[in-house]
């Protein structure tokens, strides 16, 4: 009696589109450039053909040809992302029964060791300089100041701000619902003043659908990540240190979380950041946890305004 016929291993050209449809949008955006390069090099090859050495060579080639920017670090990130993009393909191939786990060559190629981040908390003086430029220049300083205050108060990522909807605002309890990387969702306290500005922004620029994007231009058109590029390019033209160090919105996250950790402890900073996985916790977090009321108290201390959920 004959057994089932073995499954035919597809080529990269045949399989990458299937993987792209199966992953979250954020993953697809992150890996699309690298999958395109894989198709250029190996599009007509089957998944079981490349060896670990070939994958390492492709990662090194990607690293060597990475675009050089003022904050580049030798293409390490590009090499790391290429390996991660290939691991994603092979992870799905193993799950689909196309390859056994032992035939996964990408898992045998180590990622480049990450260097310590060059980002750090901005000083009060630096933050004041940035806010002064943003509030007095540009074609929509009201919008830009709202963005900066949102990121400074919540330490949210750009994706979290861009995903905000009117239905994510709890005006009574001064909470915003943040949906960020890794499909995480959390309620984050904000000051009454910021909540008032967010509600007013929606009333002035938004539509009737509470499921639509909250942050918009005066025309009613939703903003994109390009707005952030415009803000920091503008600030960099006025403040040389911003351009030199390639300051970005993520530096505001560092600034806020550093302040919270220094003043209110690690557990509260971890909750404030929205970190929930065990891998980023440290052993202390197993025994010490901060809840929403602790984060609200941190928001009150950070903004100098009382918060309805802060512990008395």
Protein backbone atom coordinates (compact mmCIF):
# COMPACT_ATOMS: atom_id res chain seq x y z
CA UNK A 1 0.00 0.00 0.00
CA UNK A 2 1.50 3.29 -1.05
CA UNK A 3 1.82 6.13 1.47
CA UNK A 4 0.75 9.70 0.85
CA UNK A 5 2.78 11.49 -1.77
CA UNK A 6 5.35 13.88 -0.26
CA UNK A 7 4.45 17.54 -0.45
CA UNK A 8 6.28 19.51 -3.11
CA UNK A 9 8.53 22.14 -1.59
CA UNK A 10 7.67 25.52 -3.20
CA UNK A 11 10.09 28.13 -4.47
CA UNK A 12 10.57 31.43 -2.69
CA UNK A 13 8.60 33.19 -5.43
CA UNK A 14 5.70 30.80 -4.85
CA UNK A 15 5.75 30.88 -1.05
CA UNK A 16 6.62 34.43 0.07
CA UNK A 17 3.24 35.86 -0.96
CA UNK A 18 1.52 33.18 1.13
CA UNK A 19 3.60 34.11 4.18
CA UNK A 20 3.02 37.83 3.60
CA UNK A 21 -0.74 37.24 3.69
CA UNK A 22 -0.45 35.26 6.93
CA UNK A 23 1.54 37.72 9.07
CA UNK A 24 0.32 40.91 10.79
CA UNK A 25 0.60 44.18 8.79
CA UNK A 26 3.49 45.43 10.94
CA UNK A 27 5.52 42.28 10.30
CA UNK A 28 4.79 42.50 6.58
CA UNK A 29 6.00 46.12 6.43
CA UNK A 30 9.16 45.27 8.37
CA UNK A 31 10.16 42.31 6.19
CA UNK A 32 8.85 43.29 2.76
CA UNK A 33 12.13 44.91 1.63
CA UNK A 34 14.12 41.85 2.70
CA UNK A 35 11.71 39.38 1.10
CA UNK A 36 12.01 41.37 -2.11
CA UNK A 37 15.79 40.91 -1.98
CA UNK A 38 15.38 37.19 -1.32
CA UNK A 39 13.20 36.90 -4.41
CA UNK A 40 15.77 38.74 -6.49
CA UNK A 41 18.51 36.34 -5.41
CA UNK A 42 16.68 33.06 -4.87
CA UNK A 43 13.19 33.50 -6.36
CA UNK A 44 13.30 30.34 -8.48
CA UNK A 45 14.98 28.18 -5.81
CA UNK A 46 13.07 25.80 -3.56
CA UNK A 47 12.97 26.53 0.18
CA UNK A 48 15.03 23.41 0.92
CA UNK A 49 17.92 24.44 -1.33
CA UNK A 50 19.78 27.31 0.44
CA UNK A 51 22.24 26.29 3.14
CA UNK A 52 23.00 28.04 6.41
CA UNK A 53 26.23 29.33 4.87
CA UNK A 54 24.34 30.86 1.95
CA UNK A 55 21.92 32.56 4.33
CA UNK A 56 24.83 33.98 6.29
CA UNK A 57 26.39 35.23 3.03
CA UNK A 58 23.11 36.91 2.04
CA UNK A 59 22.85 38.58 5.45
CA UNK A 60 26.43 39.85 5.17
CA UNK A 61 25.76 41.14 1.64
CA UNK A 62 22.65 42.94 2.89
CA UNK A 63 24.64 44.43 5.73
CA UNK A 64 27.43 45.61 3.42
CA UNK A 65 25.05 47.32 0.99
CA UNK A 66 22.78 48.93 3.59
CA UNK A 67 22.04 52.63 3.08
CA UNK A 68 24.55 54.71 5.06
CA UNK A 69 22.93 57.35 7.26
CA UNK A 70 24.40 59.61 9.91
CA UNK A 71 23.19 57.21 12.61
CA UNK A 72 24.15 54.01 10.75
CA UNK A 73 25.93 51.29 12.71
CA UNK A 74 27.64 49.29 10.00
CA UNK A 75 24.47 47.77 8.60
CA UNK A 76 23.99 45.50 11.62
CA UNK A 77 20.26 46.13 11.70
CA UNK A 78 19.89 45.26 8.00
CA UNK A 79 21.74 41.98 8.49
CA UNK A 80 19.65 41.14 11.54
CA UNK A 81 16.40 41.90 9.72
CA UNK A 82 17.39 39.73 6.75
CA UNK A 83 17.94 36.73 9.03
CA UNK A 84 14.67 37.45 10.86
CA UNK A 85 12.79 37.73 7.55
CA UNK A 86 14.12 34.34 6.42
CA UNK A 87 13.36 32.78 9.81
CA UNK A 88 9.79 33.96 9.39
CA UNK A 89 9.54 32.19 6.01
CA UNK A 90 10.99 28.95 7.34
CA UNK A 91 8.89 29.08 10.52
CA UNK A 92 5.77 29.04 8.35
CA UNK A 93 7.21 26.34 6.08
CA UNK A 94 7.80 24.07 9.09
CA UNK A 95 4.31 24.82 10.45
CA UNK A 96 2.81 23.99 7.02
CA UNK A 97 4.60 20.65 6.98
CA UNK A 98 6.74 21.57 3.98
CA UNK A 99 10.00 21.05 5.87
CA UNK A 100 10.96 19.29 9.12
CA UNK A 101 12.33 21.53 11.87
CA UNK A 102 15.72 19.88 11.43
CA UNK A 103 15.82 21.16 7.81
CA UNK A 104 15.38 24.81 8.81
CA UNK A 105 18.70 26.46 7.82
CA UNK A 106 17.80 29.97 9.05
CA UNK A 107 17.59 28.92 12.69
CA UNK A 108 21.24 27.83 12.54
CA UNK A 109 22.45 31.30 11.51
CA UNK A 110 22.97 33.59 14.54
CA UNK A 111 21.82 37.18 14.31
CA UNK A 112 24.49 39.91 14.66
CA UNK A 113 24.97 40.91 18.28
CA UNK A 114 23.02 44.08 19.00
CA UNK A 115 24.99 47.11 20.12
CA UNK A 116 23.78 49.23 22.98
CA UNK A 117 21.29 51.88 21.87
CA UNK A 118 22.63 55.40 21.41
CA UNK A 119 19.26 56.84 22.44
CA UNK A 120 18.94 58.37 25.87
CA UNK A 121 16.64 60.63 27.85
CA UNK A 122 16.56 64.29 26.83
CA UNK A 123 17.26 66.88 29.52
CA UNK A 124 14.57 69.31 30.62
CA UNK A 125 16.40 72.07 28.74
CA UNK A 126 16.57 70.02 25.53
CA UNK A 127 12.90 69.11 25.79
CA UNK A 128 12.00 72.77 26.29
CA UNK A 129 13.98 73.75 23.20
CA UNK A 130 12.21 71.13 21.09
CA UNK A 131 8.77 72.20 22.29
CA UNK A 132 9.59 75.86 21.66
CA UNK A 133 10.52 75.19 18.02
CA UNK A 134 7.55 72.91 17.40
CA UNK A 135 5.07 75.39 18.89
CA UNK A 136 6.30 78.38 16.87
CA UNK A 137 7.12 76.92 13.43
CA UNK A 138 5.56 74.73 10.78
CA UNK A 139 2.23 74.64 8.98
CA UNK A 140 0.26 73.07 11.86
CA UNK A 141 1.95 73.63 15.24
CA UNK A 142 -1.28 72.79 17.07
CA UNK A 143 -1.23 69.26 15.65
CA UNK A 144 2.49 68.83 16.24
CA UNK A 145 2.29 69.95 19.86
CA UNK A 146 -0.58 67.54 20.44
CA UNK A 147 1.57 64.72 19.06
CA UNK A 148 4.55 65.60 21.22
CA UNK A 149 2.46 65.92 24.36
CA UNK A 150 0.79 62.58 23.64
CA UNK A 151 4.15 60.84 23.29
CA UNK A 152 5.68 62.61 26.27
CA UNK A 153 2.79 61.77 28.59
CA UNK A 154 2.23 58.17 27.49
CA UNK A 155 5.65 57.07 26.16
CA UNK A 156 3.71 55.46 23.31
CA UNK A 157 5.31 54.48 20.03
CA UNK A 158 4.45 56.12 16.71
CA UNK A 159 2.31 53.15 15.76
CA UNK A 160 0.29 53.52 18.93
CA UNK A 161 -0.46 57.18 18.22
CA UNK A 162 -1.34 56.55 14.57
CA UNK A 163 -3.70 53.72 15.56
CA UNK A 164 -5.69 55.87 18.02
CA UNK A 165 -9.41 56.17 17.29
CA UNK A 166 -12.10 58.34 18.93
CA UNK A 167 -13.51 55.16 20.49
CA UNK A 168 -10.16 54.71 22.27
CA UNK A 169 -10.71 57.80 24.44
CA UNK A 170 -12.22 57.32 27.90
CA UNK A 171 -12.82 60.93 28.87
CA UNK A 172 -14.35 60.17 32.26
CA UNK A 173 -11.37 58.18 33.53
CA UNK A 174 -8.74 60.01 31.41
CA UNK A 175 -7.53 56.88 29.64
CA UNK A 176 -6.44 56.21 26.06
CA UNK A 177 -6.38 52.72 24.56
CA UNK A 178 -3.03 52.06 22.89
CA UNK A 179 -2.63 49.31 20.28
CA UNK A 180 1.06 48.80 19.60
CA UNK A 181 3.69 46.34 18.39
CA UNK A 182 3.14 42.67 19.00
CA UNK A 183 -0.63 43.28 18.86
CA UNK A 184 -0.55 44.51 22.47
CA UNK A 185 -3.46 46.55 23.79
CA UNK A 186 -3.47 48.58 27.00
CA UNK A 187 -5.30 51.47 28.63
CA UNK A 188 -2.87 54.30 29.41
CA UNK A 189 -3.67 57.21 31.75
CA UNK A 190 -3.32 60.77 30.43
CA UNK A 191 -3.79 64.15 32.07
CA UNK A 192 -7.20 65.85 31.96
CA UNK A 193 -5.64 68.60 29.83
CA UNK A 194 -4.37 66.19 27.19
CA UNK A 195 -7.71 64.39 27.16
CA UNK A 196 -9.50 67.70 26.57
CA UNK A 197 -7.18 68.47 23.65
CA UNK A 198 -7.66 65.00 22.12
CA UNK A 199 -11.45 65.30 22.35
CA UNK A 200 -11.37 68.83 20.91
CA UNK A 201 -9.10 67.63 18.09
CA UNK A 202 -11.67 65.00 17.13
CA UNK A 203 -14.55 67.47 17.33
CA UNK A 204 -12.75 69.94 15.07
CA UNK A 205 -11.13 67.60 12.55
CA UNK A 206 -12.73 64.17 12.81
CA UNK A 207 -15.72 62.54 11.21
CA UNK A 208 -18.74 60.77 12.67
CA UNK A 209 -17.25 57.26 12.67
CA UNK A 210 -15.61 56.53 16.07
CA UNK A 211 -13.62 53.70 14.46
CA UNK A 212 -11.67 56.02 12.14
CA UNK A 213 -8.21 57.37 12.88
CA UNK A 214 -8.20 60.13 15.50
CA UNK A 215 -5.19 62.27 14.55
CA UNK A 216 -5.82 64.35 11.42
CA UNK A 217 -4.76 67.38 9.44
CA UNK A 218 -7.01 70.45 9.30
CA UNK A 219 -8.43 69.10 6.04
CA UNK A 220 -9.66 66.02 7.87
CA UNK A 221 -7.12 63.76 6.18
CA UNK A 222 -5.50 61.22 8.58
CA UNK A 223 -1.84 61.82 9.37
CA UNK A 224 0.84 59.25 8.56
CA UNK A 225 4.37 58.59 9.79
CA UNK A 226 5.53 61.29 7.38
CA UNK A 227 4.24 63.89 9.84
CA UNK A 228 6.86 62.76 12.33
CA UNK A 229 9.59 63.04 9.69
CA UNK A 230 8.43 66.57 8.95
CA UNK A 231 8.51 67.53 12.64
CA UNK A 232 12.04 66.32 13.33
CA UNK A 233 13.47 67.59 10.04
CA UNK A 234 12.03 71.01 10.94
CA UNK A 235 13.37 70.94 14.49
CA UNK A 236 16.76 69.79 13.18
CA UNK A 237 17.02 72.88 10.99
CA UNK A 238 16.75 75.06 14.11
CA UNK A 239 18.61 72.90 16.63
CA UNK A 240 21.89 71.46 15.38
CA UNK A 241 22.10 68.81 18.12
CA UNK A 242 18.76 67.34 17.02
CA UNK A 243 20.03 66.84 13.46
CA UNK A 244 23.46 65.60 14.55
CA UNK A 245 22.14 62.99 16.98
CA UNK A 246 19.18 62.06 14.75
CA UNK A 247 16.65 62.73 17.50
CA UNK A 248 13.30 61.10 16.82
CA UNK A 249 9.98 60.50 18.55
CA UNK A 250 11.36 57.33 20.18
CA UNK A 251 13.71 59.52 22.22
CA UNK A 252 10.62 60.92 23.95
CA UNK A 253 9.77 57.37 25.04
CA UNK A 254 13.24 57.04 26.54
CA UNK A 255 12.86 60.42 28.25
CA UNK A 256 9.51 59.64 29.88
CA UNK A 257 10.35 56.09 30.94
CA UNK A 258 13.67 57.19 32.42
CA UNK A 259 11.88 59.83 34.49
CA UNK A 260 9.28 57.33 35.70
CA UNK A 261 11.91 54.73 36.61
CA UNK A 262 14.07 57.24 38.49
CA UNK A 263 11.16 58.70 40.44
CA UNK A 264 8.66 55.86 40.82
CA UNK A 265 10.61 52.65 40.37
CA UNK A 266 11.20 49.89 37.86
CA UNK A 267 7.86 48.13 38.22
CA UNK A 268 5.91 51.29 37.45
CA UNK A 269 8.20 52.13 34.52
CA UNK A 270 7.68 48.65 33.08
CA UNK A 271 3.90 48.99 33.33
CA UNK A 272 4.10 52.52 31.93
CA UNK A 273 6.02 51.18 28.90
CA UNK A 274 3.46 48.45 28.24
CA UNK A 275 6.03 45.66 28.63
CA UNK A 276 4.29 42.42 29.49
CA UNK A 277 6.54 39.57 28.31
CA UNK A 278 8.77 37.65 30.71
CA UNK A 279 11.83 38.01 28.51
CA UNK A 280 12.06 41.77 29.18
CA UNK A 281 11.09 41.65 32.80
CA UNK A 282 13.97 40.68 35.05
CA UNK A 283 13.44 38.48 38.07
CA UNK A 284 12.21 41.31 40.30
CA UNK A 285 9.12 41.84 38.14
CA UNK A 286 7.97 38.32 39.04
CA UNK A 287 7.29 39.57 42.57
CA UNK A 288 6.78 43.31 42.08
CA UNK A 289 4.02 44.48 39.78
CA UNK A 290 2.46 47.87 39.10
CA UNK A 291 -1.16 48.27 38.10
CA UNK A 292 -3.16 50.88 36.20
CA UNK A 293 -3.56 53.01 39.32
CA UNK A 294 0.23 53.14 39.76
CA UNK A 295 0.62 54.29 36.16
CA UNK A 296 -2.08 56.92 36.74
CA UNK A 297 -0.17 58.17 39.78
CA UNK A 298 2.97 58.38 37.62
CA UNK A 299 1.04 60.37 35.00
CA UNK A 300 -0.16 62.78 37.70
CA UNK A 301 3.38 63.24 38.99
CA UNK A 302 4.75 63.65 35.46
CA UNK A 303 2.18 66.23 34.35
CA UNK A 304 1.53 67.99 37.65
CA UNK A 305 -2.23 67.38 37.25
CA UNK A 306 -4.43 65.13 39.40
CA UNK A 307 -5.72 61.97 37.75
CA UNK A 308 -9.03 60.32 38.64
CA UNK A 309 -7.49 56.83 38.85
CA UNK A 310 -4.41 57.73 40.87
CA UNK A 311 -4.15 56.04 44.24
CA UNK A 312 -4.88 58.45 47.08
